[in-house]
Amino acid sequence: MSTQSPLDTARVDELADLFGDKEILLQLYDEFLEECPARLQTMRDGLEQQKAYLIDSGAHAIKGSSANLGAVGIQETAKLVEDLARTNDLDEVGEFLDRLEGEIERLNGHLKAHGLG
C-alpha cells in the first residue's frame, strides 16, 4: 500500500472552492464511502457468477465517483477492474477487488486521521 495521500490535493482544493463549505465536501466523501460496500459486493457476486457486466458496472460507478472526488488510488484500481471486466478477463479480478477494497479503506483512514471523517 502506498504511503502517499489517497487524494489528489489539487482536486480536493477545487472541490472545496466549488462548494465553499467543508461540511458539504465531507458529506460527499461519506456518501461515496457508504455506497462502496454494496458496489463491491455486487462485483464480488459478479465474479462468483462469472457475470462480467456486474463487475464492469460497479467498477465504472466507483471509478467515476472517485475521479470526481480526487480519490486517485481508488480511481486507478477501479479502472483496472473495469478493463478486466470489459475484456472478460476475470481471472485476476478477485485480487484487484481486494486491492480496491484496500484503497477504499485507506481513503477512509486518511479522512479520519486528518479529522475529515
PDB file of N, CA and C in Angstrom:
ATOM      1  N   MET A   1       0.825  -1.184   0.000  1.00  0.00           N
ATOM      2  CA  MET A   1       0.000   0.000   0.000  1.00  0.00           C
ATOM      3  C   MET A   1       0.870   1.248   0.000  1.00  0.00           C
ATOM      4  N   SER A   2       0.457   2.237  -0.694  1.00  0.00           N
ATOM      5  CA  SER A   2       1.208   3.469  -0.831  1.00  0.00           C
ATOM      6  C   SER A   2       1.121   4.313   0.438  1.00  0.00           C
ATOM      7  N   THR A   3       2.213   5.038   0.707  1.00  0.00           N
ATOM      8  CA  THR A   3       2.210   5.931   1.868  1.00  0.00           C
ATOM      9  C   THR A   3       1.774   7.334   1.486  1.00  0.00           C
ATOM     10  N   GLN A   4       1.678   7.604   0.208  1.00  0.00           N
ATOM     11  CA  GLN A   4       1.232   8.931  -0.206  1.00  0.00           C
ATOM     12  C   GLN A   4      -0.269   9.066  -0.001  1.00  0.00           C
ATOM     13  N   SER A   5      -0.733  10.302  -0.040  1.00  0.00           N
ATOM     14  CA  SER A   5      -2.146  10.576   0.185  1.00  0.00           C
ATOM     15  C   SER A   5      -3.001   9.874  -0.863  1.00  0.00           C
ATOM     16  N   PRO A   6      -4.140   9.322  -0.444  1.00  0.00           N
ATOM     17  CA  PRO A   6      -5.039   8.699  -1.412  1.00  0.00           C
ATOM     18  C   PRO A   6      -5.842   9.731  -2.199  1.00  0.00           C
ATOM     19  N   LEU A   7      -5.616  11.010  -1.894  1.00  0.00           N
ATOM     20  CA  LEU A   7      -6.379  12.072  -2.546  1.00  0.00           C
ATOM     21  C   LEU A   7      -5.476  12.980  -3.367  1.00  0.00           C
ATOM     22  N   ASP A   8      -5.997  13.426  -4.480  1.00  0.00           N
ATOM     23  CA  ASP A   8      -5.351  14.446  -5.303  1.00  0.00           C
ATOM     24  C   ASP A   8      -5.683  15.783  -4.640  1.00  0.00           C
ATOM     25  N   THR A   9      -4.690  16.371  -3.978  1.00  0.00           N
ATOM     26  CA  THR A   9      -4.964  17.589  -3.199  1.00  0.00           C
ATOM     27  C   THR A   9      -5.443  18.743  -4.067  1.00  0.00           C
ATOM     28  N   ALA A  10      -4.989  18.801  -5.305  1.00  0.00           N
ATOM     29  CA  ALA A  10      -5.455  19.871  -6.198  1.00  0.00           C
ATOM     30  C   ALA A  10      -6.960  19.718  -6.457  1.00  0.00           C
ATOM     31  N   ARG A  11      -7.408  18.485  -6.661  1.00  0.00           N
ATOM     32  CA  ARG A  11      -8.840  18.236  -6.897  1.00  0.00           C
ATOM     33  C   ARG A  11      -9.647  18.546  -5.635  1.00  0.00           C
ATOM     34  N   VAL A  12      -9.126  18.177  -4.477  1.00  0.00           N
ATOM     35  CA  VAL A  12      -9.816  18.474  -3.219  1.00  0.00           C
ATOM     36  C   VAL A  12      -9.936  19.980  -3.034  1.00  0.00           C
ATOM     37  N   ASP A  13      -8.877  20.712  -3.369  1.00  0.00           N
ATOM     38  CA  ASP A  13      -8.924  22.180  -3.271  1.00  0.00           C
ATOM     39  C   ASP A  13      -9.975  22.751  -4.220  1.00  0.00           C
ATOM     40  N   GLU A  14     -10.056  22.194  -5.433  1.00  0.00           N
ATOM     41  CA  GLU A  14     -11.080  22.640  -6.394  1.00  0.00           C
ATOM     42  C   GLU A  14     -12.480  22.419  -5.824  1.00  0.00           C
ATOM     43  N   LEU A  15     -12.686  21.243  -5.248  1.00  0.00           N
ATOM     44  CA  LEU A  15     -13.998  20.933  -4.669  1.00  0.00           C
ATOM     45  C   LEU A  15     -14.307  21.846  -3.492  1.00  0.00           C
ATOM     46  N   ALA A  16     -13.319  22.103  -2.670  1.00  0.00           N
ATOM     47  CA  ALA A  16     -13.521  22.992  -1.519  1.00  0.00           C
ATOM     48  C   ALA A  16     -13.894  24.389  -1.992  1.00  0.00           C
ATOM     49  N   ASP A  17     -13.237  24.870  -3.042  1.00  0.00           N
ATOM     50  CA  ASP A  17     -13.577  26.185  -3.607  1.00  0.00           C
ATOM     51  C   ASP A  17     -14.976  26.164  -4.211  1.00  0.00           C
ATOM     52  N   LEU A  18     -15.300  25.083  -4.895  1.00  0.00           N
ATOM     53  CA  LEU A  18     -16.596  24.972  -5.556  1.00  0.00           C
ATOM     54  C   LEU A  18     -17.742  24.997  -4.546  1.00  0.00           C
ATOM     55  N   PHE A  19     -17.605  24.198  -3.490  1.00  0.00           N
ATOM     56  CA  PHE A  19     -18.685  24.099  -2.516  1.00  0.00           C
ATOM     57  C   PHE A  19     -18.585  25.140  -1.413  1.00  0.00           C
ATOM     58  N   GLY A  20     -17.380  25.626  -1.151  1.00  0.00           N
ATOM     59  CA  GLY A  20     -17.192  26.674  -0.166  1.00  0.00           C
ATOM     60  C   GLY A  20     -17.540  26.262   1.251  1.00  0.00           C
ATOM     61  N   ASP A  21     -17.795  24.998   1.464  1.00  0.00           N
ATOM     62  CA  ASP A  21     -18.206  24.522   2.783  1.00  0.00           C
ATOM     63  C   ASP A  21     -17.607  23.131   2.994  1.00  0.00           C
ATOM     64  N   LYS A  22     -16.747  23.022   3.981  1.00  0.00           N
ATOM     65  CA  LYS A  22     -16.079  21.756   4.273  1.00  0.00           C
ATOM     66  C   LYS A  22     -17.093  20.659   4.598  1.00  0.00           C
ATOM     67  N   GLU A  23     -18.171  21.008   5.262  1.00  0.00           N
ATOM     68  CA  GLU A  23     -19.165  20.002   5.645  1.00  0.00           C
ATOM     69  C   GLU A  23     -19.824  19.354   4.426  1.00  0.00           C
ATOM     70  N   ILE A  24     -20.094  20.141   3.409  1.00  0.00           N
ATOM     71  CA  ILE A  24     -20.684  19.588   2.186  1.00  0.00           C
ATOM     72  C   ILE A  24     -19.693  18.632   1.525  1.00  0.00           C
ATOM     73  N   LEU A  25     -18.442  19.029   1.479  1.00  0.00           N
ATOM     74  CA  LEU A  25     -17.409  18.183   0.884  1.00  0.00           C
ATOM     75  C   LEU A  25     -17.279  16.871   1.667  1.00  0.00           C
ATOM     76  N   LEU A  26     -17.273  16.958   2.971  1.00  0.00           N
ATOM     77  CA  LEU A  26     -17.188  15.752   3.795  1.00  0.00           C
ATOM     78  C   LEU A  26     -18.394  14.853   3.581  1.00  0.00           C
ATOM     79  N   GLN A  27     -19.532  15.441   3.382  1.00  0.00           N
ATOM     80  CA  GLN A  27     -20.750  14.661   3.130  1.00  0.00           C
ATOM     81  C   GLN A  27     -20.612  13.879   1.821  1.00  0.00           C
ATOM     82  N   LEU A  28     -19.990  14.500   0.815  1.00  0.00           N
ATOM     83  CA  LEU A  28     -19.772  13.803  -0.460  1.00  0.00           C
ATOM     84  C   LEU A  28     -18.873  12.581  -0.268  1.00  0.00           C
ATOM     85  N   TYR A  29     -17.796  12.750   0.509  1.00  0.00           N
ATOM     86  CA  TYR A  29     -16.916  11.611   0.774  1.00  0.00           C
ATOM     87  C   TYR A  29     -17.651  10.536   1.567  1.00  0.00           C
ATOM     88  N   ASP A  30     -18.436  10.950   2.557  1.00  0.00           N
ATOM     89  CA  ASP A  30     -19.203   9.991   3.351  1.00  0.00           C
ATOM     90  C   ASP A  30     -20.175   9.203   2.482  1.00  0.00           C
ATOM     91  N   GLU A  31     -20.888   9.897   1.602  1.00  0.00           N
ATOM     92  CA  GLU A  31     -21.850   9.219   0.716  1.00  0.00           C
ATOM     93  C   GLU A  31     -21.130   8.235  -0.201  1.00  0.00           C
ATOM     94  N   PHE A  32     -19.986   8.648  -0.724  1.00  0.00           N
ATOM     95  CA  PHE A  32     -19.208   7.762  -1.584  1.00  0.00           C
ATOM     96  C   PHE A  32     -18.795   6.504  -0.815  1.00  0.00           C
ATOM     97  N   LEU A  33     -18.250   6.702   0.385  1.00  0.00           N
ATOM     98  CA  LEU A  33     -17.786   5.567   1.184  1.00  0.00           C
ATOM     99  C   LEU A  33     -18.938   4.658   1.611  1.00  0.00           C
ATOM    100  N   GLU A  34     -20.115   5.227   1.813  1.00  0.00           N
ATOM    101  CA  GLU A  34     -21.286   4.422   2.176  1.00  0.00           C
ATOM    102  C   GLU A  34     -21.765   3.558   1.016  1.00  0.00           C
ATOM    103  N   GLU A  35     -21.581   4.025  -0.213  1.00  0.00           N
ATOM    104  CA  GLU A  35     -22.024   3.280  -1.393  1.00  0.00           C
ATOM    105  C   GLU A  35     -21.067   2.147  -1.773  1.00  0.00           C
ATOM    106  N   CYS A  36     -19.818   2.285  -1.394  1.00  0.00           N
ATOM    107  CA  CYS A  36     -18.796   1.339  -1.848  1.00  0.00           C
ATOM    108  C   CYS A  36     -19.034  -0.106  -1.430  1.00  0.00           C
ATOM    109  N   PRO A  37     -19.412  -0.406  -0.174  1.00  0.00           N
ATOM    110  CA  PRO A  37     -19.587  -1.818   0.186  1.00  0.00           C
ATOM    111  C   PRO A  37     -20.607  -2.557  -0.690  1.00  0.00           C
ATOM    112  N   ALA A  38     -21.715  -1.924  -0.998  1.00  0.00           N
ATOM    113  CA  ALA A  38     -22.722  -2.569  -1.843  1.00  0.00           C
ATOM    114  C   ALA A  38     -22.183  -2.782  -3.259  1.00  0.00           C
ATOM    115  N   ARG A  39     -21.468  -1.795  -3.777  1.00  0.00           N
ATOM    116  CA  ARG A  39     -20.903  -1.937  -5.126  1.00  0.00           C
ATOM    117  C   ARG A  39     -19.846  -3.050  -5.154  1.00  0.00           C
ATOM    118  N   LEU A  40     -19.015  -3.102  -4.107  1.00  0.00           N
ATOM    119  CA  LEU A  40     -18.016  -4.168  -4.026  1.00  0.00           C
ATOM    120  C   LEU A  40     -18.686  -5.540  -3.956  1.00  0.00           C
ATOM    121  N   GLN A  41     -19.756  -5.633  -3.185  1.00  0.00           N
ATOM    122  CA  GLN A  41     -20.462  -6.915  -3.065  1.00  0.00           C
ATOM    123  C   GLN A  41     -21.053  -7.328  -4.409  1.00  0.00           C
ATOM    124  N   THR A  42     -21.617  -6.373  -5.134  1.00  0.00           N
ATOM    125  CA  THR A  42     -22.157  -6.675  -6.464  1.00  0.00           C
ATOM    126  C   THR A  42     -21.059  -7.186  -7.384  1.00  0.00           C
ATOM    127  N   MET A  43     -19.880  -6.566  -7.311  1.00  0.00           N
ATOM    128  CA  MET A  43     -18.769  -7.017  -8.150  1.00  0.00           C
ATOM    129  C   MET A  43     -18.294  -8.402  -7.731  1.00  0.00           C
ATOM    130  N   ARG A  44     -18.243  -8.656  -6.434  1.00  0.00           N
ATOM    131  CA  ARG A  44     -17.845  -9.991  -5.957  1.00  0.00           C
ATOM    132  C   ARG A  44     -18.880 -11.041  -6.386  1.00  0.00           C
ATOM    133  N   ASP A  45     -20.161 -10.676  -6.316  1.00  0.00           N
ATOM    134  CA  ASP A  45     -21.212 -11.573  -6.807  1.00  0.00           C
ATOM    135  C   ASP A  45     -21.035 -11.825  -8.299  1.00  0.00           C
ATOM    136  N   GLY A  46     -20.727 -10.769  -9.049  1.00  0.00           N
ATOM    137  CA  GLY A  46     -20.492 -10.913 -10.482  1.00  0.00           C
ATOM    138  C   GLY A  46     -19.328 -11.830 -10.780  1.00  0.00           C
ATOM    139  N   LEU A  47     -18.285 -11.747  -9.962  1.00  0.00           N
ATOM    140  CA  LEU A  47     -17.138 -12.632 -10.146  1.00  0.00           C
ATOM    141  C   LEU A  47     -17.534 -14.079  -9.863  1.00  0.00           C
ATOM    142  N   GLU A  48     -18.249 -14.277  -8.774  1.00  0.00           N
ATOM    143  CA  GLU A  48     -18.680 -15.627  -8.404  1.00  0.00           C
ATOM    144  C   GLU A  48     -19.569 -16.237  -9.491  1.00  0.00           C
ATOM    145  N   GLN A  49     -20.433 -15.408 -10.075  1.00  0.00           N
ATOM    146  CA  GLN A  49     -21.365 -15.876 -11.104  1.00  0.00           C
ATOM    147  C   GLN A  49     -20.772 -15.792 -12.518  1.00  0.00           C
ATOM    148  N   GLN A  50     -19.529 -15.271 -12.600  1.00  0.00           N
ATOM    149  CA  GLN A  50     -18.870 -15.077 -13.895  1.00  0.00           C
ATOM    150  C   GLN A  50     -19.700 -14.176 -14.813  1.00  0.00           C
ATOM    151  N   LYS A  51     -20.234 -13.102 -14.235  1.00  0.00           N
ATOM    152  CA  LYS A  51     -21.017 -12.123 -14.983  1.00  0.00           C
ATOM    153  C   LYS A  51     -20.229 -10.823 -15.027  1.00  0.00           C
ATOM    154  N   ALA A  52     -19.471 -10.667 -16.105  1.00  0.00           N
ATOM    155  CA  ALA A  52     -18.578  -9.528 -16.242  1.00  0.00           C
ATOM    156  C   ALA A  52     -19.318  -8.194 -16.193  1.00  0.00           C
ATOM    157  N   TYR A  53     -20.560  -8.161 -16.688  1.00  0.00           N
ATOM    158  CA  TYR A  53     -21.299  -6.899 -16.715  1.00  0.00           C
ATOM    159  C   TYR A  53     -21.556  -6.354 -15.310  1.00  0.00           C
ATOM    160  N   LEU A  54     -21.723  -7.238 -14.320  1.00  0.00           N
ATOM    161  CA  LEU A  54     -21.908  -6.776 -12.937  1.00  0.00           C
ATOM    162  C   LEU A  54     -20.626  -6.145 -12.400  1.00  0.00           C
ATOM    163  N   ILE A  55     -19.514  -6.744 -12.739  1.00  0.00           N
ATOM    164  CA  ILE A  55     -18.219  -6.211 -12.318  1.00  0.00           C
ATOM    165  C   ILE A  55     -17.962  -4.885 -13.007  1.00  0.00           C
ATOM    166  N   ASP A  56     -18.198  -4.845 -14.300  1.00  0.00           N
ATOM    167  CA  ASP A  56     -17.996  -3.632 -15.090  1.00  0.00           C
ATOM    168  C   ASP A  56     -18.836  -2.474 -14.554  1.00  0.00           C
ATOM    169  N   SER A  57     -20.088  -2.733 -14.293  1.00  0.00           N
ATOM    170  CA  SER A  57     -20.999  -1.692 -13.824  1.00  0.00           C
ATOM    171  C   SER A  57     -20.538  -1.103 -12.488  1.00  0.00           C
ATOM    172  N   GLY A  58     -20.204  -1.964 -11.549  1.00  0.00           N
ATOM    173  CA  GLY A  58     -19.753  -1.493 -10.243  1.00  0.00           C
ATOM    174  C   GLY A  58     -18.440  -0.749 -10.321  1.00  0.00           C
ATOM    175  N   ALA A  59     -17.505  -1.288 -11.082  1.00  0.00           N
ATOM    176  CA  ALA A  59     -16.199  -0.644 -11.225  1.00  0.00           C
ATOM    177  C   ALA A  59     -16.331   0.709 -11.908  1.00  0.00           C
ATOM    178  N   HIS A  60     -17.176   0.773 -12.915  1.00  0.00           N
ATOM    179  CA  HIS A  60     -17.383   2.036 -13.632  1.00  0.00           C
ATOM    180  C   HIS A  60     -17.954   3.105 -12.700  1.00  0.00           C
ATOM    181  N   ALA A  61     -18.916   2.736 -11.880  1.00  0.00           N
ATOM    182  CA  ALA A  61     -19.525   3.695 -10.956  1.00  0.00           C
ATOM    183  C   ALA A  61     -18.513   4.188  -9.926  1.00  0.00           C
ATOM    184  N   ILE A  62     -17.737   3.270  -9.370  1.00  0.00           N
ATOM    185  CA  ILE A  62     -16.725   3.665  -8.382  1.00  0.00           C
ATOM    186  C   ILE A  62     -15.656   4.518  -9.047  1.00  0.00           C
ATOM    187  N   LYS A  63     -15.263   4.145 -10.259  1.00  0.00           N
ATOM    188  CA  LYS A  63     -14.235   4.914 -10.978  1.00  0.00           C
ATOM    189  C   LYS A  63     -14.690   6.353 -11.188  1.00  0.00           C
ATOM    190  N   GLY A  64     -15.913   6.532 -11.636  1.00  0.00           N
ATOM    191  CA  GLY A  64     -16.415   7.877 -11.898  1.00  0.00           C
ATOM    192  C   GLY A  64     -16.537   8.713 -10.645  1.00  0.00           C
ATOM    193  N   SER A  65     -17.110   8.141  -9.616  1.00  0.00           N
ATOM    194  CA  SER A  65     -17.272   8.887  -8.357  1.00  0.00           C
ATOM    195  C   SER A  65     -15.924   9.234  -7.752  1.00  0.00           C
ATOM    196  N   SER A  66     -15.001   8.272  -7.748  1.00  0.00           N
ATOM    197  CA  SER A  66     -13.696   8.532  -7.153  1.00  0.00           C
ATOM    198  C   SER A  66     -12.918   9.574  -7.953  1.00  0.00           C
ATOM    199  N   ALA A  67     -13.084   9.583  -9.267  1.00  0.00           N
ATOM    200  CA  ALA A  67     -12.431  10.603 -10.092  1.00  0.00           C
ATOM    201  C   ALA A  67     -12.956  11.989  -9.732  1.00  0.00           C
ATOM    202  N   ASN A  68     -14.260  12.090  -9.569  1.00  0.00           N
ATOM    203  CA  ASN A  68     -14.852  13.375  -9.197  1.00  0.00           C
ATOM    204  C   ASN A  68     -14.350  13.867  -7.856  1.00  0.00           C
ATOM    205  N   LEU A  69     -14.065  12.933  -6.945  1.00  0.00           N
ATOM    206  CA  LEU A  69     -13.651  13.292  -5.593  1.00  0.00           C
ATOM    207  C   LEU A  69     -12.128  13.370  -5.435  1.00  0.00           C
ATOM    208  N   GLY A  70     -11.401  13.060  -6.486  1.00  0.00           N
ATOM    209  CA  GLY A  70      -9.945  13.130  -6.411  1.00  0.00           C
ATOM    210  C   GLY A  70      -9.313  11.958  -5.678  1.00  0.00           C
ATOM    211  N   ALA A  71     -10.028  10.843  -5.565  1.00  0.00           N
ATOM    212  CA  ALA A  71      -9.513   9.649  -4.890  1.00  0.00           C
ATOM    213  C   ALA A  71      -8.762   8.805  -5.921  1.00  0.00           C
ATOM    214  N   VAL A  72      -7.518   9.174  -6.177  1.00  0.00           N
ATOM    215  CA  VAL A  72      -6.777   8.626  -7.309  1.00  0.00           C
ATOM    216  C   VAL A  72      -6.477   7.134  -7.200  1.00  0.00           C
ATOM    217  N   GLY A  73      -6.134   6.659  -6.010  1.00  0.00           N
ATOM    218  CA  GLY A  73      -5.840   5.230  -5.858  1.00  0.00           C
ATOM    219  C   GLY A  73      -7.058   4.377  -6.158  1.00  0.00           C
ATOM    220  N   ILE A  74      -8.205   4.826  -5.683  1.00  0.00           N
ATOM    221  CA  ILE A  74      -9.460   4.108  -5.934  1.00  0.00           C
ATOM    222  C   ILE A  74      -9.791   4.167  -7.423  1.00  0.00           C
ATOM    223  N   GLN A  75      -9.663   5.352  -7.999  1.00  0.00           N
ATOM    224  CA  GLN A  75      -9.975   5.533  -9.413  1.00  0.00           C
ATOM    225  C   GLN A  75      -9.115   4.615 -10.281  1.00  0.00           C
ATOM    226  N   GLU A  76      -7.805   4.599 -10.031  1.00  0.00           N
ATOM    227  CA  GLU A  76      -6.903   3.789 -10.851  1.00  0.00           C
ATOM    228  C   GLU A  76      -7.197   2.298 -10.711  1.00  0.00           C
ATOM    229  N   THR A  77      -7.461   1.856  -9.493  1.00  0.00           N
ATOM    230  CA  THR A  77      -7.739   0.440  -9.274  1.00  0.00           C
ATOM    231  C   THR A  77      -9.086   0.051  -9.879  1.00  0.00           C
ATOM    232  N   ALA A  78     -10.085   0.906  -9.729  1.00  0.00           N
ATOM    233  CA  ALA A  78     -11.397   0.630 -10.323  1.00  0.00           C
ATOM    234  C   ALA A  78     -11.295   0.544 -11.845  1.00  0.00           C
ATOM    235  N   LYS A  79     -10.443   1.377 -12.439  1.00  0.00           N
ATOM    236  CA  LYS A  79     -10.258   1.321 -13.894  1.00  0.00           C
ATOM    237  C   LYS A  79      -9.659  -0.021 -14.307  1.00  0.00           C
ATOM    238  N   LEU A  80      -8.707  -0.523 -13.530  1.00  0.00           N
ATOM    239  CA  LEU A  80      -8.128  -1.837 -13.838  1.00  0.00           C
ATOM    240  C   LEU A  80      -9.188  -2.926 -13.778  1.00  0.00           C
ATOM    241  N   VAL A  81     -10.048  -2.879 -12.745  1.00  0.00           N
ATOM    242  CA  VAL A  81     -11.126  -3.861 -12.622  1.00  0.00           C
ATOM    243  C   VAL A  81     -12.084  -3.738 -13.807  1.00  0.00           C
ATOM    244  N   GLU A  82     -12.435  -2.497 -14.133  1.00  0.00           N
ATOM    245  CA  GLU A  82     -13.337  -2.254 -15.261  1.00  0.00           C
ATOM    246  C   GLU A  82     -12.750  -2.810 -16.557  1.00  0.00           C
ATOM    247  N   ASP A  83     -11.470  -2.547 -16.787  1.00  0.00           N
ATOM    248  CA  ASP A  83     -10.815  -3.034 -18.013  1.00  0.00           C
ATOM    249  C   ASP A  83     -10.824  -4.560 -18.079  1.00  0.00           C
ATOM    250  N   LEU A  84     -10.547  -5.214 -16.949  1.00  0.00           N
ATOM    251  CA  LEU A  84     -10.575  -6.682 -16.922  1.00  0.00           C
ATOM    252  C   LEU A  84     -11.976  -7.200 -17.230  1.00  0.00           C
ATOM    253  N   ALA A  85     -12.970  -6.562 -16.649  1.00  0.00           N
ATOM    254  CA  ALA A  85     -14.354  -6.998 -16.876  1.00  0.00           C
ATOM    255  C   ALA A  85     -14.755  -6.794 -18.336  1.00  0.00           C
ATOM    256  N   ARG A  86     -14.345  -5.672 -18.898  1.00  0.00           N
ATOM    257  CA  ARG A  86     -14.736  -5.368 -20.286  1.00  0.00           C
ATOM    258  C   ARG A  86     -14.095  -6.308 -21.291  1.00  0.00           C
ATOM    259  N   THR A  87     -12.957  -6.888 -20.924  1.00  0.00           N
ATOM    260  CA  THR A  87     -12.324  -7.865 -21.816  1.00  0.00           C
ATOM    261  C   THR A  87     -12.656  -9.292 -21.380  1.00  0.00           C
ATOM    262  N   ASN A  88     -13.543  -9.412 -20.386  1.00  0.00           N
ATOM    263  CA  ASN A  88     -13.989 -10.696 -19.847  1.00  0.00           C
ATOM    264  C   ASN A  88     -12.820 -11.530 -19.335  1.00  0.00           C
ATOM    265  N   ASP A  89     -11.804 -10.845 -18.825  1.00  0.00           N
ATOM    266  CA  ASP A  89     -10.620 -11.487 -18.244  1.00  0.00           C
ATOM    267  C   ASP A  89     -10.790 -11.463 -16.729  1.00  0.00           C
ATOM    268  N   LEU A  90     -11.539 -12.428 -16.215  1.00  0.00           N
ATOM    269  CA  LEU A  90     -11.963 -12.396 -14.814  1.00  0.00           C
ATOM    270  C   LEU A  90     -11.007 -13.106 -13.861  1.00  0.00           C
ATOM    271  N   ASP A  91      -9.952 -13.714 -14.375  1.00  0.00           N
ATOM    272  CA  ASP A  91      -9.046 -14.483 -13.519  1.00  0.00           C
ATOM    273  C   ASP A  91      -8.406 -13.648 -12.414  1.00  0.00           C
ATOM    274  N   GLU A  92      -8.054 -12.405 -12.707  1.00  0.00           N
ATOM    275  CA  GLU A  92      -7.365 -11.563 -11.729  1.00  0.00           C
ATOM    276  C   GLU A  92      -8.292 -10.587 -11.014  1.00  0.00           C
ATOM    277  N   VAL A  93      -9.558 -10.608 -11.331  1.00  0.00           N
ATOM    278  CA  VAL A  93     -10.486  -9.620 -10.770  1.00  0.00           C
ATOM    279  C   VAL A  93     -10.540  -9.690  -9.245  1.00  0.00           C
ATOM    280  N   GLY A  94     -10.545 -10.899  -8.691  1.00  0.00           N
ATOM    281  CA  GLY A  94     -10.616 -11.042  -7.236  1.00  0.00           C
ATOM    282  C   GLY A  94      -9.486 -10.326  -6.531  1.00  0.00           C
ATOM    283  N   GLU A  95      -8.284 -10.479  -7.066  1.00  0.00           N
ATOM    284  CA  GLU A  95      -7.113  -9.801  -6.491  1.00  0.00           C
ATOM    285  C   GLU A  95      -7.274  -8.287  -6.558  1.00  0.00           C
ATOM    286  N   PHE A  96      -7.777  -7.796  -7.685  1.00  0.00           N
ATOM    287  CA  PHE A  96      -7.940  -6.353  -7.837  1.00  0.00           C
ATOM    288  C   PHE A  96      -9.113  -5.822  -7.012  1.00  0.00           C
ATOM    289  N   LEU A  97     -10.130  -6.649  -6.787  1.00  0.00           N
ATOM    290  CA  LEU A  97     -11.214  -6.232  -5.897  1.00  0.00           C
ATOM    291  C   LEU A  97     -10.694  -6.094  -4.468  1.00  0.00           C
ATOM    292  N   ASP A  98      -9.805  -6.993  -4.060  1.00  0.00           N
ATOM    293  CA  ASP A  98      -9.180  -6.873  -2.745  1.00  0.00           C
ATOM    294  C   ASP A  98      -8.363  -5.585  -2.659  1.00  0.00           C
ATOM    295  N   ARG A  99      -7.646  -5.299  -3.719  1.00  0.00           N
ATOM    296  CA  ARG A  99      -6.842  -4.064  -3.758  1.00  0.00           C
ATOM    297  C   ARG A  99      -7.753  -2.833  -3.718  1.00  0.00           C
ATOM    298  N   LEU A 100      -8.857  -2.904  -4.447  1.00  0.00           N
ATOM    299  CA  LEU A 100      -9.816  -1.800  -4.467  1.00  0.00           C
ATOM    300  C   LEU A 100     -10.396  -1.570  -3.074  1.00  0.00           C
ATOM    301  N   GLU A 101     -10.752  -2.651  -2.422  1.00  0.00           N
ATOM    302  CA  GLU A 101     -11.276  -2.548  -1.058  1.00  0.00           C
ATOM    303  C   GLU A 101     -10.228  -1.920  -0.131  1.00  0.00           C
ATOM    304  N   GLY A 102      -8.969  -2.300  -0.308  1.00  0.00           N
ATOM    305  CA  GLY A 102      -7.880  -1.719   0.473  1.00  0.00           C
ATOM    306  C   GLY A 102      -7.732  -0.228   0.234  1.00  0.00           C
ATOM    307  N   GLU A 103      -7.884   0.193  -1.021  1.00  0.00           N
ATOM    308  CA  GLU A 103      -7.789   1.621  -1.348  1.00  0.00           C
ATOM    309  C   GLU A 103      -8.950   2.399  -0.721  1.00  0.00           C
ATOM    310  N   ILE A 104     -10.121   1.802  -0.696  1.00  0.00           N
ATOM    311  CA  ILE A 104     -11.285   2.451  -0.080  1.00  0.00           C
ATOM    312  C   ILE A 104     -11.053   2.597   1.422  1.00  0.00           C
ATOM    313  N   GLU A 105     -10.531   1.534   2.034  1.00  0.00           N
ATOM    314  CA  GLU A 105     -10.212   1.597   3.468  1.00  0.00           C
ATOM    315  C   GLU A 105      -9.130   2.639   3.739  1.00  0.00           C
ATOM    316  N   ARG A 106      -8.164   2.741   2.848  1.00  0.00           N
ATOM    317  CA  ARG A 106      -7.084   3.720   3.003  1.00  0.00           C
ATOM    318  C   ARG A 106      -7.640   5.140   2.952  1.00  0.00           C
ATOM    319  N   LEU A 107      -8.574   5.393   2.044  1.00  0.00           N
ATOM    320  CA  LEU A 107      -9.202   6.714   1.969  1.00  0.00           C
ATOM    321  C   LEU A 107      -9.957   7.002   3.261  1.00  0.00           C
ATOM    322  N   ASN A 108     -10.729   6.044   3.720  1.00  0.00           N
ATOM    323  CA  ASN A 108     -11.492   6.228   4.955  1.00  0.00           C
ATOM    324  C   ASN A 108     -10.547   6.536   6.119  1.00  0.00           C
ATOM    325  N   GLY A 109      -9.466   5.778   6.233  1.00  0.00           N
ATOM    326  CA  GLY A 109      -8.480   6.006   7.283  1.00  0.00           C
ATOM    327  C   GLY A 109      -7.831   7.369   7.172  1.00  0.00           C
ATOM    328  N   HIS A 110      -7.530   7.771   5.951  1.00  0.00           N
ATOM    329  CA  HIS A 110      -6.901   9.073   5.707  1.00  0.00           C
ATOM    330  C   HIS A 110      -7.833  10.201   6.155  1.00  0.00           C
ATOM    331  N   LEU A 111      -9.097  10.091   5.780  1.00  0.00           N
ATOM    332  CA  LEU A 111     -10.062  11.132   6.165  1.00  0.00           C
ATOM    333  C   LEU A 111     -10.181  11.216   7.693  1.00  0.00           C
ATOM    334  N   LYS A 112     -10.239  10.078   8.352  1.00  0.00           N
ATOM    335  CA  LYS A 112     -10.352  10.068   9.811  1.00  0.00           C
ATOM    336  C   LYS A 112      -9.081  10.614  10.463  1.00  0.00           C
ATOM    337  N   ALA A 113      -7.935  10.218   9.934  1.00  0.00           N
ATOM    338  CA  ALA A 113      -6.644  10.650  10.505  1.00  0.00           C
ATOM    339  C   ALA A 113      -6.440  12.155  10.381  1.00  0.00           C
ATOM    340  N   HIS A 114      -7.065  12.752   9.387  1.00  0.00           N
ATOM    341  CA  HIS A 114      -6.931  14.177   9.164  1.00  0.00           C
ATOM    342  C   HIS A 114      -8.149  14.965   9.653  1.00  0.00           C
ATOM    343  N   GLY A 115      -8.930  14.312  10.499  1.00  0.00           N
ATOM    344  CA  GLY A 115     -10.088  14.981  11.083  1.00  0.00           C
ATOM    345  C   GLY A 115     -11.178  15.305  10.081  1.00  0.00           C
ATOM    346  N   LEU A 116     -11.235  14.529   9.021  1.00  0.00           N
ATOM    347  CA  LEU A 116     -12.204  14.817   7.963  1.00  0.00           C
ATOM    348  C   LEU A 116     -13.322  13.787   7.905  1.00  0.00           C
ATOM    349  N   GLY A 117     -13.187  12.729   8.661  1.00  0.00           N
ATOM    350  CA  GLY A 117     -14.201  11.688   8.552  1.00  0.00           C
ATOM    351  C   GLY A 117     -14.873  11.388   9.863  1.00  0.00           C
TER     352      GLY A 117
END
